[in-house]
Amino acid sequence: METSDEILAERAQSGDAEAFGELVSRHYDMVFRLGYRMFGNKSGAEDLAQDVCASLAGKIMSFRAEAKFSTWLYRVAMNAAKDMLRKQHRQTKNNEVWGDIQDLNRATDQQTAEQLAWLSQAMTTLPTEQQQTLVLILSEEMTHAQAAEILGVSEGTISWRISDAKKRLRELAISEERLS
């Protein structure tokens, strides 16, 4: 007769490594399948399964047996998948912004000293909080959450600042091109 997940979880909460190992063994494939469906590829599925299993030792203490262990684990895995998707989305956005800056940098490598001076001057036209945000996100490679915590604002504010800074720099470049 197989020991139930709930009993294994209770034992794992008491420090029984064998019970914990059995839970991981039983449910790894389920987490992997969920990851495959969420990310659409083996790499994302493996990352999710590994992250969930690695964090499970710390999270097992929050299992209260108010639902089946598998239901609780699905919630844990779904939350981890959401976090991973948010991180991927944030990274994609950061890469786009970084790409825009890299494009500007490549262009400035080919431009005159006057144009380099324009870029430096344009950056100074941004509000201080936007300059600070760009430095933390792009130069220091912080997450929006980390930058938000340091600057004492929400993650949404960080996203808005980056978007607005890009818009301002583009508008400044376009308006100066029209004047030329």
C-alpha atoms as a PDB file:
ATOM      1  CA  MET A   1       0.000   0.000   0.000  1.00  0.00           C
ATOM      2  CA  GLU A   2       1.385   3.361  -1.069  1.00  0.00           C
ATOM      3  CA  THR A   3       1.766   6.111   1.519  1.00  0.00           C
ATOM      4  CA  SER A   4      -0.379   9.144   0.692  1.00  0.00           C
ATOM      5  CA  ASP A   5       1.175  12.424  -0.402  1.00  0.00           C
ATOM      6  CA  GLU A   6      -0.290  14.144   2.627  1.00  0.00           C
ATOM      7  CA  ILE A   7       1.418  11.722   5.037  1.00  0.00           C
ATOM      8  CA  LEU A   8       4.690  12.063   3.122  1.00  0.00           C
ATOM      9  CA  ALA A   9       4.363  15.847   3.285  1.00  0.00           C
ATOM     10  CA  GLU A  10       3.783  15.696   7.036  1.00  0.00           C
ATOM     11  CA  ARG A  11       6.874  13.524   7.407  1.00  0.00           C
ATOM     12  CA  ALA A  12       8.875  15.841   5.148  1.00  0.00           C
ATOM     13  CA  GLN A  13       7.830  18.794   7.308  1.00  0.00           C
ATOM     14  CA  SER A  14       9.298  16.907  10.259  1.00  0.00           C
ATOM     15  CA  GLY A  15      12.624  16.562   8.455  1.00  0.00           C
ATOM     16  CA  ASP A  16      12.218  13.141   6.844  1.00  0.00           C
ATOM     17  CA  ALA A  17      14.461  13.412   3.769  1.00  0.00           C
ATOM     18  CA  GLU A  18      13.263  10.092   2.378  1.00  0.00           C
ATOM     19  CA  ALA A  19       9.628  11.241   2.461  1.00  0.00           C
ATOM     20  CA  PHE A  20      10.628  14.511   0.807  1.00  0.00           C
ATOM     21  CA  GLY A  21      12.515  12.624  -1.891  1.00  0.00           C
ATOM     22  CA  GLU A  22       9.500  10.427  -2.545  1.00  0.00           C
ATOM     23  CA  LEU A  23       7.264  13.487  -2.987  1.00  0.00           C
ATOM     24  CA  VAL A  24       9.701  15.042  -5.442  1.00  0.00           C
ATOM     25  CA  SER A  25      10.001  11.764  -7.325  1.00  0.00           C
ATOM     26  CA  ARG A  26       6.225  11.327  -7.543  1.00  0.00           C
ATOM     27  CA  HIS A  27       5.474  14.835  -8.743  1.00  0.00           C
ATOM     28  CA  TYR A  28       8.485  15.870 -10.833  1.00  0.00           C
ATOM     29  CA  ASP A  29       6.821  14.727 -14.073  1.00  0.00           C
ATOM     30  CA  MET A  30       3.642  16.650 -13.265  1.00  0.00           C
ATOM     31  CA  VAL A  31       5.600  19.868 -12.694  1.00  0.00           C
ATOM     32  CA  PHE A  32       7.613  19.220 -15.858  1.00  0.00           C
ATOM     33  CA  ARG A  33       4.425  18.718 -17.910  1.00  0.00           C
ATOM     34  CA  LEU A  34       2.952  21.897 -16.494  1.00  0.00           C
ATOM     35  CA  GLY A  35       6.154  23.739 -17.402  1.00  0.00           C
ATOM     36  CA  TYR A  36       6.091  22.338 -20.910  1.00  0.00           C
ATOM     37  CA  ARG A  37       2.539  23.556 -21.387  1.00  0.00           C
ATOM     38  CA  MET A  38       3.339  26.976 -19.953  1.00  0.00           C
ATOM     39  CA  PHE A  39       6.609  27.574 -21.838  1.00  0.00           C
ATOM     40  CA  GLY A  40       6.145  25.358 -24.877  1.00  0.00           C
ATOM     41  CA  ASN A  41       9.631  23.928 -24.727  1.00  0.00           C
ATOM     42  CA  LYS A  42      11.744  21.414 -22.850  1.00  0.00           C
ATOM     43  CA  SER A  43      14.197  23.981 -21.523  1.00  0.00           C
ATOM     44  CA  GLY A  44      11.485  26.061 -19.842  1.00  0.00           C
ATOM     45  CA  ALA A  45       9.864  22.919 -18.470  1.00  0.00           C
ATOM     46  CA  GLU A  46      13.155  21.718 -17.009  1.00  0.00           C
ATOM     47  CA  ASP A  47      13.876  25.128 -15.496  1.00  0.00           C
ATOM     48  CA  LEU A  48      10.454  25.234 -13.860  1.00  0.00           C
ATOM     49  CA  ALA A  49      10.686  21.673 -12.539  1.00  0.00           C
ATOM     50  CA  GLN A  50      14.152  22.295 -11.122  1.00  0.00           C
ATOM     51  CA  ASP A  51      13.167  25.627  -9.567  1.00  0.00           C
ATOM     52  CA  VAL A  52      10.040  24.184  -7.977  1.00  0.00           C
ATOM     53  CA  CYS A  53      11.836  21.098  -6.659  1.00  0.00           C
ATOM     54  CA  ALA A  54      14.726  23.179  -5.321  1.00  0.00           C
ATOM     55  CA  SER A  55      12.390  25.600  -3.548  1.00  0.00           C
ATOM     56  CA  LEU A  56      10.072  22.871  -2.298  1.00  0.00           C
ATOM     57  CA  ALA A  57      12.242  22.128   0.741  1.00  0.00           C
ATOM     58  CA  GLY A  58      11.557  25.633   2.023  1.00  0.00           C
ATOM     59  CA  LYS A  59       7.943  25.782   0.907  1.00  0.00           C
ATOM     60  CA  ILE A  60       6.875  22.390   2.283  1.00  0.00           C
ATOM     61  CA  MET A  61       6.367  23.984   5.695  1.00  0.00           C
ATOM     62  CA  SER A  62       3.536  26.088   4.256  1.00  0.00           C
ATOM     63  CA  PHE A  63       1.561  22.997   3.224  1.00  0.00           C
ATOM     64  CA  ARG A  64      -1.419  22.834   5.588  1.00  0.00           C
ATOM     65  CA  ALA A  65      -3.235  19.780   4.201  1.00  0.00           C
ATOM     66  CA  GLU A  66      -6.320  21.934   3.574  1.00  0.00           C
ATOM     67  CA  ALA A  67      -6.224  20.623   0.012  1.00  0.00           C
ATOM     68  CA  LYS A  68      -4.595  17.641  -1.605  1.00  0.00           C
ATOM     69  CA  PHE A  69      -0.819  17.887  -1.797  1.00  0.00           C
ATOM     70  CA  SER A  70      -0.979  17.769  -5.599  1.00  0.00           C
ATOM     71  CA  THR A  71      -3.389  20.724  -5.649  1.00  0.00           C
ATOM     72  CA  TRP A  72      -1.087  22.701  -3.383  1.00  0.00           C
ATOM     73  CA  LEU A  73       1.923  21.762  -5.530  1.00  0.00           C
ATOM     74  CA  TYR A  74       0.094  22.876  -8.687  1.00  0.00           C
ATOM     75  CA  ARG A  75      -0.404  26.285  -7.078  1.00  0.00           C
ATOM     76  CA  VAL A  76       3.266  26.448  -6.125  1.00  0.00           C
ATOM     77  CA  ALA A  77       4.278  25.449  -9.651  1.00  0.00           C
ATOM     78  CA  MET A  78       1.854  27.892 -11.295  1.00  0.00           C
ATOM     79  CA  ASN A  79       3.135  30.756  -9.151  1.00  0.00           C
ATOM     80  CA  ALA A  80       6.714  29.824 -10.036  1.00  0.00           C
ATOM     81  CA  ALA A  81       5.781  29.669 -13.734  1.00  0.00           C
ATOM     82  CA  LYS A  82       4.142  33.103 -13.529  1.00  0.00           C
ATOM     83  CA  ASP A  83       7.275  34.484 -11.896  1.00  0.00           C
ATOM     84  CA  MET A  84       9.442  32.945 -14.609  1.00  0.00           C
ATOM     85  CA  LEU A  85       7.203  34.330 -17.362  1.00  0.00           C
ATOM     86  CA  ARG A  86       7.289  37.789 -15.772  1.00  0.00           C
ATOM     87  CA  LYS A  87      11.056  37.583 -15.559  1.00  0.00           C
ATOM     88  CA  GLN A  88      11.296  36.514 -19.211  1.00  0.00           C
ATOM     89  CA  HIS A  89       8.963  39.330 -20.242  1.00  0.00           C
ATOM     90  CA  ARG A  90      10.958  41.848 -18.231  1.00  0.00           C
ATOM     91  CA  GLN A  91      14.205  40.542 -19.699  1.00  0.00           C
ATOM     92  CA  THR A  92      12.780  40.790 -23.217  1.00  0.00           C
ATOM     93  CA  LYS A  93      11.738  44.382 -22.585  1.00  0.00           C
ATOM     94  CA  ASN A  94      15.130  45.182 -21.067  1.00  0.00           C
ATOM     95  CA  ASN A  95      16.843  43.632 -24.073  1.00  0.00           C
ATOM     96  CA  GLU A  96      14.732  45.779 -26.392  1.00  0.00           C
ATOM     97  CA  VAL A  97      15.667  48.923 -24.457  1.00  0.00           C
ATOM     98  CA  TRP A  98      19.277  47.825 -24.277  1.00  0.00           C
ATOM     99  CA  GLY A  99      19.174  47.109 -28.012  1.00  0.00           C
ATOM    100  CA  ASP A 100      17.935  50.634 -28.652  1.00  0.00           C
ATOM    101  CA  ILE A 101      20.773  52.030 -26.573  1.00  0.00           C
ATOM    102  CA  GLN A 102      23.267  49.715 -28.271  1.00  0.00           C
ATOM    103  CA  ASP A 103      21.948  50.915 -31.634  1.00  0.00           C
ATOM    104  CA  LEU A 104      22.505  54.479 -30.495  1.00  0.00           C
ATOM    105  CA  ASN A 105      25.984  53.543 -29.290  1.00  0.00           C
ATOM    106  CA  ARG A 106      26.857  51.878 -32.621  1.00  0.00           C
ATOM    107  CA  ALA A 107      25.568  54.910 -34.441  1.00  0.00           C
ATOM    108  CA  THR A 108      27.554  57.247 -32.213  1.00  0.00           C
ATOM    109  CA  ASP A 109      30.718  55.275 -32.954  1.00  0.00           C
ATOM    110  CA  GLN A 110      30.277  56.401 -36.552  1.00  0.00           C
ATOM    111  CA  GLN A 111      29.145  59.910 -35.842  1.00  0.00           C
ATOM    112  CA  THR A 112      31.007  63.129 -35.220  1.00  0.00           C
ATOM    113  CA  ALA A 113      32.006  64.524 -31.865  1.00  0.00           C
ATOM    114  CA  GLU A 114      29.127  66.989 -32.218  1.00  0.00           C
ATOM    115  CA  GLN A 115      26.638  64.143 -32.420  1.00  0.00           C
ATOM    116  CA  LEU A 116      28.201  62.476 -29.382  1.00  0.00           C
ATOM    117  CA  ALA A 117      27.802  65.733 -27.518  1.00  0.00           C
ATOM    118  CA  TRP A 118      24.126  65.778 -28.572  1.00  0.00           C
ATOM    119  CA  LEU A 119      23.534  62.341 -27.076  1.00  0.00           C
ATOM    120  CA  SER A 120      25.197  63.328 -23.804  1.00  0.00           C
ATOM    121  CA  GLN A 121      23.138  66.507 -23.732  1.00  0.00           C
ATOM    122  CA  ALA A 122      19.932  64.627 -24.585  1.00  0.00           C
ATOM    123  CA  MET A 123      20.441  62.273 -21.667  1.00  0.00           C
ATOM    124  CA  THR A 124      20.734  65.233 -19.331  1.00  0.00           C
ATOM    125  CA  THR A 125      17.343  66.496 -20.488  1.00  0.00           C
ATOM    126  CA  LEU A 126      15.670  63.489 -18.935  1.00  0.00           C
ATOM    127  CA  PRO A 127      14.268  63.958 -15.461  1.00  0.00           C
ATOM    128  CA  THR A 128      16.640  62.766 -12.771  1.00  0.00           C
ATOM    129  CA  GLU A 129      14.391  59.887 -11.783  1.00  0.00           C
ATOM    130  CA  GLN A 130      14.454  58.586 -15.368  1.00  0.00           C
ATOM    131  CA  GLN A 131      18.231  58.856 -15.501  1.00  0.00           C
ATOM    132  CA  GLN A 132      18.494  56.972 -12.200  1.00  0.00           C
ATOM    133  CA  THR A 133      16.078  54.308 -13.425  1.00  0.00           C
ATOM    134  CA  LEU A 134      17.997  53.745 -16.662  1.00  0.00           C
ATOM    135  CA  VAL A 135      21.278  53.445 -14.789  1.00  0.00           C
ATOM    136  CA  LEU A 136      19.895  50.828 -12.380  1.00  0.00           C
ATOM    137  CA  ILE A 137      18.082  48.755 -15.025  1.00  0.00           C
ATOM    138  CA  LEU A 138      20.522  48.944 -17.910  1.00  0.00           C
ATOM    139  CA  SER A 139      23.925  49.582 -16.396  1.00  0.00           C
ATOM    140  CA  GLU A 140      23.520  47.738 -13.121  1.00  0.00           C
ATOM    141  CA  GLU A 141      21.280  45.049 -14.694  1.00  0.00           C
ATOM    142  CA  MET A 142      18.786  45.154 -11.855  1.00  0.00           C
ATOM    143  CA  THR A 143      15.255  43.838 -12.112  1.00  0.00           C
ATOM    144  CA  HIS A 144      12.362  46.244 -12.085  1.00  0.00           C
ATOM    145  CA  ALA A 145      11.571  45.032  -8.575  1.00  0.00           C
ATOM    146  CA  GLN A 146      15.093  45.756  -7.341  1.00  0.00           C
ATOM    147  CA  ALA A 147      15.144  49.202  -8.944  1.00  0.00           C
ATOM    148  CA  ALA A 148      11.681  49.922  -7.556  1.00  0.00           C
ATOM    149  CA  GLU A 149      12.810  48.988  -4.056  1.00  0.00           C
ATOM    150  CA  ILE A 150      15.933  51.149  -4.264  1.00  0.00           C
ATOM    151  CA  LEU A 151      14.062  54.132  -5.693  1.00  0.00           C
ATOM    152  CA  GLY A 152      11.055  53.669  -3.405  1.00  0.00           C
ATOM    153  CA  VAL A 153       8.492  53.369  -6.212  1.00  0.00           C
ATOM    154  CA  SER A 154       6.360  50.611  -7.740  1.00  0.00           C
ATOM    155  CA  GLU A 155       7.518  48.284 -10.524  1.00  0.00           C
ATOM    156  CA  GLY A 156       4.913  49.896 -12.755  1.00  0.00           C
ATOM    157  CA  THR A 157       6.557  53.260 -12.194  1.00  0.00           C
ATOM    158  CA  ILE A 158       9.904  51.794 -13.235  1.00  0.00           C
ATOM    159  CA  SER A 159       8.367  50.424 -16.456  1.00  0.00           C
ATOM    160  CA  TRP A 160       6.721  53.754 -17.167  1.00  0.00           C
ATOM    161  CA  ARG A 161       9.962  55.670 -16.605  1.00  0.00           C
ATOM    162  CA  ILE A 162      11.848  53.478 -19.066  1.00  0.00           C
ATOM    163  CA  SER A 163       9.119  53.771 -21.671  1.00  0.00           C
ATOM    164  CA  ASP A 164       8.858  57.523 -21.220  1.00  0.00           C
ATOM    165  CA  ALA A 165      12.654  57.988 -21.411  1.00  0.00           C
ATOM    166  CA  LYS A 166      12.765  56.127 -24.743  1.00  0.00           C
ATOM    167  CA  LYS A 167       9.873  58.229 -26.025  1.00  0.00           C
ATOM    168  CA  ARG A 168      11.495  61.508 -24.941  1.00  0.00           C
ATOM    169  CA  LEU A 169      14.831  60.638 -26.546  1.00  0.00           C
ATOM    170  CA  ARG A 170      13.147  59.633 -29.806  1.00  0.00           C
ATOM    171  CA  GLU A 171      11.029  62.809 -29.841  1.00  0.00           C
ATOM    172  CA  LEU A 172      14.081  64.956 -29.148  1.00  0.00           C
ATOM    173  CA  ALA A 173      15.999  63.285 -31.977  1.00  0.00           C
ATOM    174  CA  ILE A 174      13.069  63.690 -34.397  1.00  0.00           C
ATOM    175  CA  SER A 175      12.459  67.326 -33.469  1.00  0.00           C
ATOM    176  CA  GLU A 176      16.123  68.169 -33.941  1.00  0.00           C
ATOM    177  CA  GLU A 177      16.190  66.364 -37.292  1.00  0.00           C
ATOM    178  CA  ARG A 178      13.295  68.546 -38.444  1.00  0.00           C
ATOM    179  CA  LEU A 179      15.201  71.663 -37.432  1.00  0.00           C
ATOM    180  CA  SER A 180      18.256  70.560 -39.393  1.00  0.00           C
END
